[in-house]
C-alpha atoms as a PDB file:
ATOM      1  CA  MET A   1     204.400  88.678 148.928  1.00  0.00           C
ATOM      2  CA  ALA A   2     203.448  85.275 147.598  1.00  0.00           C
ATOM      3  CA  LYS A   3     199.902  84.856 147.963  1.00  0.00           C
ATOM      4  CA  ALA A   4     198.914  83.869 151.574  1.00  0.00           C
ATOM      5  CA  ALA A   5     196.548  81.760 153.172  1.00  0.00           C
ATOM      6  CA  THR A   6     193.000  83.120 154.108  1.00  0.00           C
ATOM      7  CA  THR A   7     190.469  82.448 156.659  1.00  0.00           C
ATOM      8  CA  LYS A   8     187.442  82.022 156.585  1.00  0.00           C
ATOM      9  CA  THR A   9     185.897  84.763 154.225  1.00  0.00           C
ATOM     10  CA  ASP A  10     182.750  86.513 156.364  1.00  0.00           C
ATOM     11  CA  PRO A  11     180.147  88.100 153.220  1.00  0.00           C
ATOM     12  CA  GLY A  12     180.666  90.976 151.831  1.00  0.00           C
ATOM     13  CA  HIS A  13     184.520  91.186 153.291  1.00  0.00           C
ATOM     14  CA  ALA A  14     187.419  90.626 151.660  1.00  0.00           C
ATOM     15  CA  PRO A  15     189.275  87.581 153.375  1.00  0.00           C
ATOM     16  CA  MET A  16     192.132  88.550 154.935  1.00  0.00           C
ATOM     17  CA  PRO A  17     195.845  86.755 154.633  1.00  0.00           C
ATOM     18  CA  ALA A  18     197.037  84.578 157.721  1.00  0.00           C
ATOM     19  CA  ALA A  19     200.833  85.368 157.393  1.00  0.00           C
ATOM     20  CA  ALA A  20     203.027  87.435 154.590  1.00  0.00           C
ATOM     21  CA  GLY A  21     204.469  85.260 152.919  1.00  0.00           C
ATOM     22  CA  ALA A  22     202.504  82.212 153.030  1.00  0.00           C
ATOM     23  CA  ASN A  23     201.530  80.090 149.604  1.00  0.00           C
ATOM     24  CA  ALA A  24     198.047  80.418 148.850  1.00  0.00           C
ATOM     25  CA  PRO A  25     195.343  80.345 146.258  1.00  0.00           C
ATOM     26  CA  ARG A  26     194.033  83.874 145.291  1.00  0.00           C
ATOM     27  CA  PRO A  27     190.955  85.008 148.060  1.00  0.00           C
ATOM     28  CA  GLY A  28     187.789  85.202 146.091  1.00  0.00           C
ATOM     29  CA  ASN A  29     183.937  85.882 147.637  1.00  0.00           C
ATOM     30  CA  GLY A  30     182.117  83.169 145.766  1.00  0.00           C
ATOM     31  CA  ALA A  31     179.713  85.723 143.998  1.00  0.00           C
ATOM     32  CA  HIS A  32     182.302  87.089 141.604  1.00  0.00           C
ATOM     33  CA  LYS A  33     186.044  87.086 141.033  1.00  0.00           C
ATOM     34  CA  GLY A  34     187.058  89.814 141.792  1.00  0.00           C
ATOM     35  CA  SER A  35     187.441  91.989 145.108  1.00  0.00           C
ATOM     36  CA  LEU A  36     188.113  94.906 146.986  1.00  0.00           C
ATOM     37  CA  ILE A  37     190.797  96.193 149.781  1.00  0.00           C
ATOM     38  CA  VAL A  38     191.407  99.530 151.387  1.00  0.00           C
ATOM     39  CA  VAL A  39     194.018 100.543 153.029  1.00  0.00           C
ATOM     40  CA  GLY A  40     195.989 103.313 154.681  1.00  0.00           C
ATOM     41  CA  THR A  41     199.817 104.325 154.100  1.00  0.00           C
ATOM     42  CA  GLY A  42     199.749 106.619 157.532  1.00  0.00           C
ATOM     43  CA  ILE A  43     201.514 110.552 156.928  1.00  0.00           C
ATOM     44  CA  ARG A  44     204.700 108.592 157.423  1.00  0.00           C
ATOM     45  CA  THR A  45     204.620 105.906 154.820  1.00  0.00           C
ATOM     46  CA  VAL A  46     208.390 104.294 155.754  1.00  0.00           C
ATOM     47  CA  GLY A  47     206.879 104.100 159.543  1.00  0.00           C
ATOM     48  CA  HIS A  48     202.967 104.056 159.242  1.00  0.00           C
ATOM     49  CA  LEU A  49     202.314 101.163 157.207  1.00  0.00           C
ATOM     50  CA  THR A  50     201.211  98.335 159.100  1.00  0.00           C
ATOM     51  CA  MET A  51     202.266  94.576 158.853  1.00  0.00           C
ATOM     52  CA  GLU A  52     198.951  94.023 157.363  1.00  0.00           C
ATOM     53  CA  ALA A  53     198.434  96.483 154.902  1.00  0.00           C
ATOM     54  CA  VAL A  54     201.836  95.394 153.519  1.00  0.00           C
ATOM     55  CA  ALA A  55     200.986  91.929 152.976  1.00  0.00           C
ATOM     56  CA  TRP A  56     197.771  93.014 150.961  1.00  0.00           C
ATOM     57  CA  ILE A  57     199.886  95.054 148.919  1.00  0.00           C
ATOM     58  CA  LYS A  58     201.734  92.535 147.976  1.00  0.00           C
ATOM     59  CA  GLN A  59     199.635  89.846 147.439  1.00  0.00           C
ATOM     60  CA  ALA A  60     197.254  92.666 145.245  1.00  0.00           C
ATOM     61  CA  ASP A  61     196.807  92.114 141.317  1.00  0.00           C
ATOM     62  CA  LYS A  62     196.314  95.817 141.100  1.00  0.00           C
ATOM     63  CA  VAL A  63     197.296  98.287 144.284  1.00  0.00           C
ATOM     64  CA  LEU A  64     195.588 101.646 143.237  1.00  0.00           C
ATOM     65  CA  HIS A  65     197.261 104.312 145.308  1.00  0.00           C
ATOM     66  CA  VAL A  66     197.547 107.837 146.035  1.00  0.00           C
ATOM     67  CA  VAL A  67     199.570 109.422 148.050  1.00  0.00           C
ATOM     68  CA  GLY A  68     201.453 112.401 149.091  1.00  0.00           C
ATOM     69  CA  ASP A  69     204.687 112.027 148.565  1.00  0.00           C
ATOM     70  CA  PRO A  70     207.599 110.637 146.061  1.00  0.00           C
ATOM     71  CA  VAL A  71     208.961 108.013 149.319  1.00  0.00           C
ATOM     72  CA  ALA A  72     205.265 106.441 149.260  1.00  0.00           C
ATOM     73  CA  GLU A  73     205.281 106.024 145.883  1.00  0.00           C
ATOM     74  CA  LEU A  74     208.468 104.488 145.853  1.00  0.00           C
ATOM     75  CA  MET A  75     207.730 101.900 148.697  1.00  0.00           C
ATOM     76  CA  LEU A  76     204.286 101.142 147.396  1.00  0.00           C
ATOM     77  CA  LYS A  77     206.479 100.395 143.714  1.00  0.00           C
ATOM     78  CA  GLU A  78     208.407  98.047 145.436  1.00  0.00           C
ATOM     79  CA  LEU A  79     206.538  96.054 147.615  1.00  0.00           C
ATOM     80  CA  ASN A  80     204.289  95.654 144.050  1.00  0.00           C
ATOM     81  CA  PRO A  81     206.084  96.098 140.890  1.00  0.00           C
ATOM     82  CA  ASN A  82     204.067  94.641 138.758  1.00  0.00           C
ATOM     83  CA  GLY A  83     200.785  96.448 139.958  1.00  0.00           C
ATOM     84  CA  ALA A  84     201.567 100.091 141.775  1.00  0.00           C
ATOM     85  CA  GLU A  85     199.675 102.285 139.390  1.00  0.00           C
ATOM     86  CA  SER A  86     199.371 106.186 141.001  1.00  0.00           C
ATOM     87  CA  MET A  87     195.950 107.773 140.425  1.00  0.00           C
ATOM     88  CA  THR A  88     197.268 111.736 141.750  1.00  0.00           C
ATOM     89  CA  GLY A  89     197.400 112.079 138.093  1.00  0.00           C
ATOM     90  CA  MET A  90     193.854 112.315 137.925  1.00  0.00           C
ATOM     91  CA  TYR A  91     193.745 115.914 140.167  1.00  0.00           C
ATOM     92  CA  ALA A  92     194.018 118.342 137.541  1.00  0.00           C
ATOM     93  CA  GLU A  93     194.191 122.514 138.038  1.00  0.00           C
ATOM     94  CA  GLY A  94     191.174 124.397 139.103  1.00  0.00           C
ATOM     95  CA  LYS A  95     189.243 120.920 138.644  1.00  0.00           C
ATOM     96  CA  PRO A  96     186.727 120.452 140.911  1.00  0.00           C
ATOM     97  CA  ARG A  97     187.645 117.536 143.209  1.00  0.00           C
ATOM     98  CA  ILE A  98     184.956 115.492 143.412  1.00  0.00           C
ATOM     99  CA  ASP A  99     184.876 115.019 139.814  1.00  0.00           C
ATOM    100  CA  THR A 100     188.661 113.567 140.448  1.00  0.00           C
ATOM    101  CA  TYR A 101     187.236 111.680 143.164  1.00  0.00           C
ATOM    102  CA  ASN A 102     184.247 110.082 141.414  1.00  0.00           C
ATOM    103  CA  GLN A 103     187.180 109.365 138.577  1.00  0.00           C
ATOM    104  CA  MET A 104     188.905 107.555 141.394  1.00  0.00           C
ATOM    105  CA  VAL A 105     186.134 105.339 142.328  1.00  0.00           C
ATOM    106  CA  GLU A 106     185.380 104.416 138.496  1.00  0.00           C
ATOM    107  CA  ARG A 107     189.145 103.036 137.919  1.00  0.00           C
ATOM    108  CA  THR A 108     188.967 101.107 141.491  1.00  0.00           C
ATOM    109  CA  LEU A 109     185.756  99.458 140.070  1.00  0.00           C
ATOM    110  CA  GLU A 110     187.241  98.326 136.417  1.00  0.00           C
ATOM    111  CA  CYS A 111     189.736  96.604 138.224  1.00  0.00           C
ATOM    112  CA  VAL A 112     187.500  95.097 140.647  1.00  0.00           C
ATOM    113  CA  ARG A 113     184.797  93.571 137.879  1.00  0.00           C
ATOM    114  CA  ALA A 114     188.251  92.519 135.728  1.00  0.00           C
ATOM    115  CA  GLY A 115     188.730  90.076 138.154  1.00  0.00           C
ATOM    116  CA  MET A 116     191.785  91.870 139.863  1.00  0.00           C
ATOM    117  CA  LEU A 117     192.358  91.544 143.905  1.00  0.00           C
ATOM    118  CA  THR A 118     192.337  95.447 143.842  1.00  0.00           C
ATOM    119  CA  CYS A 119     194.464  96.961 146.762  1.00  0.00           C
ATOM    120  CA  MET A 120     192.797 100.955 147.350  1.00  0.00           C
ATOM    121  CA  ALA A 121     195.842 102.616 149.142  1.00  0.00           C
ATOM    122  CA  CYS A 122     195.081 106.160 150.182  1.00  0.00           C
ATOM    123  CA  TYR A 123     198.068 108.453 152.205  1.00  0.00           C
ATOM    124  CA  GLY A 124     196.619 109.167 156.287  1.00  0.00           C
ATOM    125  CA  HIS A 125     193.565 106.605 157.092  1.00  0.00           C
ATOM    126  CA  PRO A 126     191.894 105.314 153.920  1.00  0.00           C
ATOM    127  CA  GLY A 127     188.281 106.319 156.040  1.00  0.00           C
ATOM    128  CA  VAL A 128     189.385 109.271 157.409  1.00  0.00           C
ATOM    129  CA  PHE A 129     187.583 112.201 154.646  1.00  0.00           C
ATOM    130  CA  VAL A 130     188.297 109.995 151.942  1.00  0.00           C
ATOM    131  CA  TYR A 131     185.126 110.141 150.053  1.00  0.00           C
ATOM    132  CA  PRO A 132     186.615 107.276 146.948  1.00  0.00           C
ATOM    133  CA  SER A 133     186.935 104.680 149.500  1.00  0.00           C
ATOM    134  CA  HIS A 134     183.945 104.333 151.068  1.00  0.00           C
ATOM    135  CA  GLU A 135     182.000 104.941 147.849  1.00  0.00           C
ATOM    136  CA  SER A 136     184.403 102.289 145.842  1.00  0.00           C
ATOM    137  CA  ILE A 137     183.078  99.883 149.097  1.00  0.00           C
ATOM    138  CA  ARG A 138     179.846 100.702 148.896  1.00  0.00           C
ATOM    139  CA  ARG A 139     179.654 100.412 144.937  1.00  0.00           C
ATOM    140  CA  ALA A 140     181.999  97.333 144.947  1.00  0.00           C
ATOM    141  CA  ARG A 141     179.199  95.334 148.041  1.00  0.00           C
ATOM    142  CA  ALA A 142     176.299  96.081 145.573  1.00  0.00           C
ATOM    143  CA  GLU A 143     177.488  94.672 142.937  1.00  0.00           C
ATOM    144  CA  GLY A 144     178.171  91.348 144.384  1.00  0.00           C
ATOM    145  CA  TYR A 145     182.396  91.728 144.950  1.00  0.00           C
ATOM    146  CA  SER A 146     183.709  91.534 148.942  1.00  0.00           C
ATOM    147  CA  ALA A 147     185.224  94.510 149.873  1.00  0.00           C
ATOM    148  CA  ARG A 148     186.569  96.045 153.112  1.00  0.00           C
ATOM    149  CA  MET A 149     189.012  98.739 154.827  1.00  0.00           C
ATOM    150  CA  LEU A 150     192.054  98.213 157.122  1.00  0.00           C
ATOM    151  CA  PRO A 151     192.722 101.108 159.673  1.00  0.00           C
ATOM    152  CA  GLY A 152     195.732 103.372 159.109  1.00  0.00           C
ATOM    153  CA  ILE A 153     197.251 106.634 161.164  1.00  0.00           C
ATOM    154  CA  SER A 154     195.839 109.758 160.436  1.00  0.00           C
ATOM    155  CA  SER A 155     196.828 113.452 160.821  1.00  0.00           C
ATOM    156  CA  GLU A 156     194.406 113.555 164.146  1.00  0.00           C
ATOM    157  CA  ASP A 157     196.217 110.311 165.668  1.00  0.00           C
ATOM    158  CA  CYS A 158     199.783 112.152 164.900  1.00  0.00           C
ATOM    159  CA  LEU A 159     198.353 115.903 166.495  1.00  0.00           C
ATOM    160  CA  PHE A 160     196.994 113.795 169.615  1.00  0.00           C
ATOM    161  CA  ALA A 161     200.932 112.563 169.755  1.00  0.00           C
ATOM    162  CA  ASP A 162     202.540 115.640 169.017  1.00  0.00           C
ATOM    163  CA  LEU A 163     200.681 118.197 170.665  1.00  0.00           C
ATOM    164  CA  GLY A 164     199.817 115.853 173.873  1.00  0.00           C
ATOM    165  CA  VAL A 165     196.345 115.889 173.856  1.00  0.00           C
ATOM    166  CA  ASP A 166     194.307 112.663 175.360  1.00  0.00           C
ATOM    167  CA  PRO A 167     190.871 113.131 173.320  1.00  0.00           C
ATOM    168  CA  GLY A 168     189.469 111.654 176.468  1.00  0.00           C
ATOM    169  CA  ILE A 169     190.152 114.183 179.448  1.00  0.00           C
ATOM    170  CA  SER A 170     187.716 116.744 177.732  1.00  0.00           C
ATOM    171  CA  GLY A 171     186.569 115.200 174.657  1.00  0.00           C
ATOM    172  CA  CYS A 172     187.169 115.571 171.240  1.00  0.00           C
ATOM    173  CA  GLN A 173     185.001 117.845 168.862  1.00  0.00           C
ATOM    174  CA  SER A 174     186.073 117.036 164.464  1.00  0.00           C
ATOM    175  CA  TYR A 175     185.151 118.292 161.941  1.00  0.00           C
ATOM    176  CA  GLU A 176     185.722 119.615 158.172  1.00  0.00           C
ATOM    177  CA  ALA A 177     186.729 122.909 157.810  1.00  0.00           C
ATOM    178  CA  THR A 178     184.165 124.134 155.407  1.00  0.00           C
ATOM    179  CA  ASP A 179     181.475 121.519 156.851  1.00  0.00           C
ATOM    180  CA  PHE A 180     181.726 123.312 160.207  1.00  0.00           C
ATOM    181  CA  LEU A 181     181.157 126.951 158.929  1.00  0.00           C
ATOM    182  CA  LEU A 182     178.125 125.705 156.121  1.00  0.00           C
ATOM    183  CA  ASN A 183     176.634 123.669 158.195  1.00  0.00           C
ATOM    184  CA  GLY A 184     175.802 125.301 161.744  1.00  0.00           C
ATOM    185  CA  ARG A 185     178.091 122.854 163.737  1.00  0.00           C
ATOM    186  CA  VAL A 186     177.786 123.525 167.441  1.00  0.00           C
ATOM    187  CA  ILE A 187     181.129 123.809 169.275  1.00  0.00           C
ATOM    188  CA  ASP A 188     181.052 122.878 172.701  1.00  0.00           C
ATOM    189  CA  PRO A 189     184.165 125.632 173.911  1.00  0.00           C
ATOM    190  CA  THR A 190     184.567 123.431 177.159  1.00  0.00           C
ATOM    191  CA  SER A 191     186.083 120.363 174.612  1.00  0.00           C
ATOM    192  CA  SER A 192     188.447 120.457 172.290  1.00  0.00           C
ATOM    193  CA  VAL A 193     188.407 121.176 168.654  1.00  0.00           C
ATOM    194  CA  VAL A 194     189.818 119.844 165.284  1.00  0.00           C
ATOM    195  CA  LEU A 195     189.107 121.466 162.218  1.00  0.00           C
ATOM    196  CA  TRP A 196     190.568 119.927 159.183  1.00  0.00           C
ATOM    197  CA  GLN A 197     191.544 121.035 155.705  1.00  0.00           C
ATOM    198  CA  ILE A 198     191.870 124.310 157.227  1.00  0.00           C
ATOM    199  CA  GLY A 199     193.906 125.237 154.434  1.00  0.00           C
ATOM    200  CA  VAL A 200     191.450 125.173 151.590  1.00  0.00           C
ATOM    201  CA  VAL A 201     188.061 126.285 153.519  1.00  0.00           C
ATOM    202  CA  GLY A 202     185.628 127.235 150.682  1.00  0.00           C
ATOM    203  CA  ASP A 203     187.880 125.767 147.950  1.00  0.00           C
ATOM    204  CA  ALA A 204     185.949 123.038 146.732  1.00  0.00           C
ATOM    205  CA  THR A 205     188.913 122.904 143.408  1.00  0.00           C
ATOM    206  CA  PHE A 206     192.340 121.268 143.538  1.00  0.00           C
ATOM    207  CA  LYS A 207     195.286 124.390 143.342  1.00  0.00           C
ATOM    208  CA  PRO A 208     199.088 122.488 143.722  1.00  0.00           C
ATOM    209  CA  LEU A 209     200.078 125.927 144.599  1.00  0.00           C
ATOM    210  CA  GLY A 210     197.602 127.215 146.857  1.00  0.00           C
ATOM    211  CA  TYR A 211     193.998 127.255 147.359  1.00  0.00           C
ATOM    212  CA  ASP A 212     191.725 130.581 147.480  1.00  0.00           C
ATOM    213  CA  LEU A 213     190.951 131.353 151.044  1.00  0.00           C
ATOM    214  CA  SER A 214     188.812 134.278 150.881  1.00  0.00           C
ATOM    215  CA  ALA A 215     185.999 132.611 152.787  1.00  0.00           C
ATOM    216  CA  MET A 216     188.410 132.476 155.706  1.00  0.00           C
ATOM    217  CA  PRO A 217     186.927 135.183 157.404  1.00  0.00           C
ATOM    218  CA  LEU A 218     183.838 134.112 157.986  1.00  0.00           C
ATOM    219  CA  LEU A 219     185.548 130.894 159.627  1.00  0.00           C
ATOM    220  CA  VAL A 220     187.295 133.750 161.853  1.00  0.00           C
ATOM    221  CA  GLU A 221     184.216 135.520 162.226  1.00  0.00           C
ATOM    222  CA  ARG A 222     182.431 132.192 163.535  1.00  0.00           C
ATOM    223  CA  LEU A 223     185.080 131.579 165.953  1.00  0.00           C
ATOM    224  CA  LEU A 224     185.347 134.671 167.565  1.00  0.00           C
ATOM    225  CA  ALA A 225     181.707 134.426 168.638  1.00  0.00           C
ATOM    226  CA  ILE A 226     182.947 131.330 170.211  1.00  0.00           C
ATOM    227  CA  TYR A 227     186.464 131.376 171.482  1.00  0.00           C
ATOM    228  CA  PRO A 228     187.803 134.839 173.560  1.00  0.00           C
ATOM    229  CA  ALA A 229     189.978 136.862 170.625  1.00  0.00           C
ATOM    230  CA  THR A 230     192.788 135.987 172.768  1.00  0.00           C
ATOM    231  CA  HIS A 231     192.001 132.145 173.156  1.00  0.00           C
ATOM    232  CA  PRO A 232     195.498 130.298 171.256  1.00  0.00           C
ATOM    233  CA  MET A 233     194.915 127.948 168.648  1.00  0.00           C
ATOM    234  CA  TYR A 234     196.711 125.630 166.876  1.00  0.00           C
ATOM    235  CA  LEU A 235     198.195 124.860 162.984  1.00  0.00           C
ATOM    236  CA  TYR A 236     199.614 121.575 163.164  1.00  0.00           C
ATOM    237  CA  GLU A 237     200.850 119.747 160.385  1.00  0.00           C
ATOM    238  CA  ALA A 238     202.273 116.409 160.915  1.00  0.00           C
ATOM    239  CA  ALA A 239     205.934 115.205 159.869  1.00  0.00           C
ATOM    240  CA  VAL A 240     205.956 113.269 156.342  1.00  0.00           C
ATOM    241  CA  PHE A 241     209.328 112.330 156.384  1.00  0.00           C
ATOM    242  CA  HIS A 242     211.550 110.364 159.351  1.00  0.00           C
ATOM    243  CA  GLY A 243     213.708 113.122 161.167  1.00  0.00           C
ATOM    244  CA  CYS A 244     211.530 116.095 160.466  1.00  0.00           C
ATOM    245  CA  GLU A 245     209.543 117.551 162.552  1.00  0.00           C
ATOM    246  CA  PRO A 246     205.891 118.483 162.827  1.00  0.00           C
ATOM    247  CA  VAL A 247     204.833 121.947 161.972  1.00  0.00           C
ATOM    248  CA  ILE A 248     203.094 123.709 164.923  1.00  0.00           C
ATOM    249  CA  ARG A 249     202.201 126.972 165.133  1.00  0.00           C
ATOM    250  CA  GLN A 250     200.287 129.236 167.591  1.00  0.00           C
ATOM    251  CA  ILE A 251     198.072 131.470 166.752  1.00  0.00           C
ATOM    252  CA  THR A 252     194.817 133.356 167.812  1.00  0.00           C
ATOM    253  CA  ALA A 253     191.576 133.123 165.373  1.00  0.00           C
ATOM    254  CA  HIS A 254     192.209 136.341 163.770  1.00  0.00           C
ATOM    255  CA  GLU A 255     195.990 135.267 162.818  1.00  0.00           C
ATOM    256  CA  LEU A 256     193.520 133.383 160.393  1.00  0.00           C
ATOM    257  CA  ALA A 257     193.086 135.562 158.098  1.00  0.00           C
ATOM    258  CA  TYR A 258     197.145 136.411 157.248  1.00  0.00           C
ATOM    259  CA  GLY A 259     199.267 134.966 155.686  1.00  0.00           C
ATOM    260  CA  PRO A 260     199.471 131.477 153.240  1.00  0.00           C
ATOM    261  CA  LEU A 261     198.196 128.584 154.674  1.00  0.00           C
ATOM    262  CA  SER A 262     199.770 125.022 154.057  1.00  0.00           C
ATOM    263  CA  ALA A 263     196.833 123.083 152.323  1.00  0.00           C
ATOM    264  CA  GLY A 264     197.875 120.303 154.662  1.00  0.00           C
ATOM    265  CA  TYR A 265     197.031 121.883 157.726  1.00  0.00           C
ATOM    266  CA  THR A 266     194.998 120.970 160.663  1.00  0.00           C
ATOM    267  CA  LEU A 267     193.579 123.597 163.251  1.00  0.00           C
ATOM    268  CA  TYR A 268     193.001 122.233 166.575  1.00  0.00           C
ATOM    269  CA  ILE A 269     191.593 124.383 169.293  1.00  0.00           C
ATOM    270  CA  PRO A 270     191.859 123.436 173.070  1.00  0.00           C
ATOM    271  CA  PRO A 271     188.843 123.998 175.478  1.00  0.00           C
ATOM    272  CA  ALA A 272     188.213 127.788 176.169  1.00  0.00           C
ATOM    273  CA  TYR A 273     186.971 127.119 179.862  1.00  0.00           C
ATOM    274  CA  GLN A 274     186.058 124.131 182.345  1.00  0.00           C
ATOM    275  CA  SER A 275     183.189 122.025 181.975  1.00  0.00           C
ATOM    276  CA  THR A 276     180.325 122.146 184.380  1.00  0.00           C
ATOM    277  CA  SER A 277     179.900 118.599 186.583  1.00  0.00           C
ATOM    278  CA  ASP A 278     175.767 117.325 187.063  1.00  0.00           C
ATOM    279  CA  PRO A 279     175.695 116.556 190.913  1.00  0.00           C
ATOM    280  CA  THR A 280     172.100 115.606 190.676  1.00  0.00           C
ATOM    281  CA  THR A 281     173.105 113.182 187.296  1.00  0.00           C
ATOM    282  CA  TYR A 282     176.057 111.938 189.426  1.00  0.00           C
ATOM    283  CA  TYR A 283     174.281 110.829 192.659  1.00  0.00           C
ATOM    284  CA  ARG A 284     171.596 109.243 190.761  1.00  0.00           C
ATOM    285  CA  MET A 285     174.425 107.246 188.896  1.00  0.00           C
ATOM    286  CA  ASN A 286     175.750 106.288 191.925  1.00  0.00           C
ATOM    287  CA  ALA A 287     172.831 105.549 193.512  1.00  0.00           C
ATOM    288  CA  MET A 288     171.716 103.304 190.593  1.00  0.00           C
ATOM    289  CA  ILE A 289     174.931 101.267 190.661  1.00  0.00           C
ATOM    290  CA  ALA A 290     174.070 100.893 194.597  1.00  0.00           C
ATOM    291  CA  ALA A 291     170.708  99.490 193.937  1.00  0.00           C
ATOM    292  CA  ASN A 292     171.939  97.050 191.425  1.00  0.00           C
ATOM    293  CA  LYS A 293     174.763  95.880 193.786  1.00  0.00           C
ATOM    294  CA  ALA A 294     172.376  95.094 196.524  1.00  0.00           C
ATOM    295  CA  ALA A 295     170.091  93.640 194.277  1.00  0.00           C
ATOM    296  CA  THR A 296     173.060  90.733 192.873  1.00  0.00           C
ATOM    297  CA  GLY A 297     173.943  90.233 196.224  1.00  0.00           C
ATOM    298  CA  ALA A 298     170.254  89.721 197.609  1.00  0.00           C
ATOM    299  CA  ALA A 299     169.910  87.202 194.217  1.00  0.00           C
ATOM    300  CA  ILE A 300     173.456  85.340 195.113  1.00  0.00           C
ATOM    301  CA  GLY A 301     172.038  84.788 199.022  1.00  0.00           C
END
């Protein structure tokens, strides 16, 4: 994309291109030339990538990307042939993932400090379980550079669509699986629950051929203390390619301990019990609304 026309710059945020293909000067923030825009490519890049994200990818001097499939990498290369650079190679067998994430942050800031309009492109939503995106923005802003994030489609968004879940009906609690296990998170079994990264629970390293799930019995034990043993749960993995179907496996908590699990699995747990209404609060709420209407009517009269 040619350089796009921009809106007025909001301090601490990179300006937005008004339209893809519009010719205009490169945006800056006044304090430093370099800037950072973080975008999400969605789960299925061909179809999930937004027009706004495409505009920024085309416009950027450097597109640092971490995407999950070769089709997505090829698409980013086509959108920005000269600036696309994969950071996936920073992962290594047995290497702590936090070390890889910090390396990604350093590479991103290196480009920003060099005066480049830098786009970090992450699969899914760039702010959902993506430490490097948040940390890069935080540090870039602290150093006086403009930085902002655009939303994308996450695996949870796909889960809601594929499983027909409306989080507004019973509520929805969402936890990373290891965090849930270690940090005493409290589940309300009358609401839906999403446990992310169920296939890597307890393993903080990178393993391309399968993670160490020795800690899975602890998670099973925790779930069985909350849910009936026969309560249905669903292992879910969104479809990455057009024309493919998502993985949806109904299981019980016991079955988590058997068989290999994909690192991309998310566990969805539907409500186990009906919620209990609070009639006292209901009547108080209606009384307050009625009193407000009466007071408003009296003031107008």
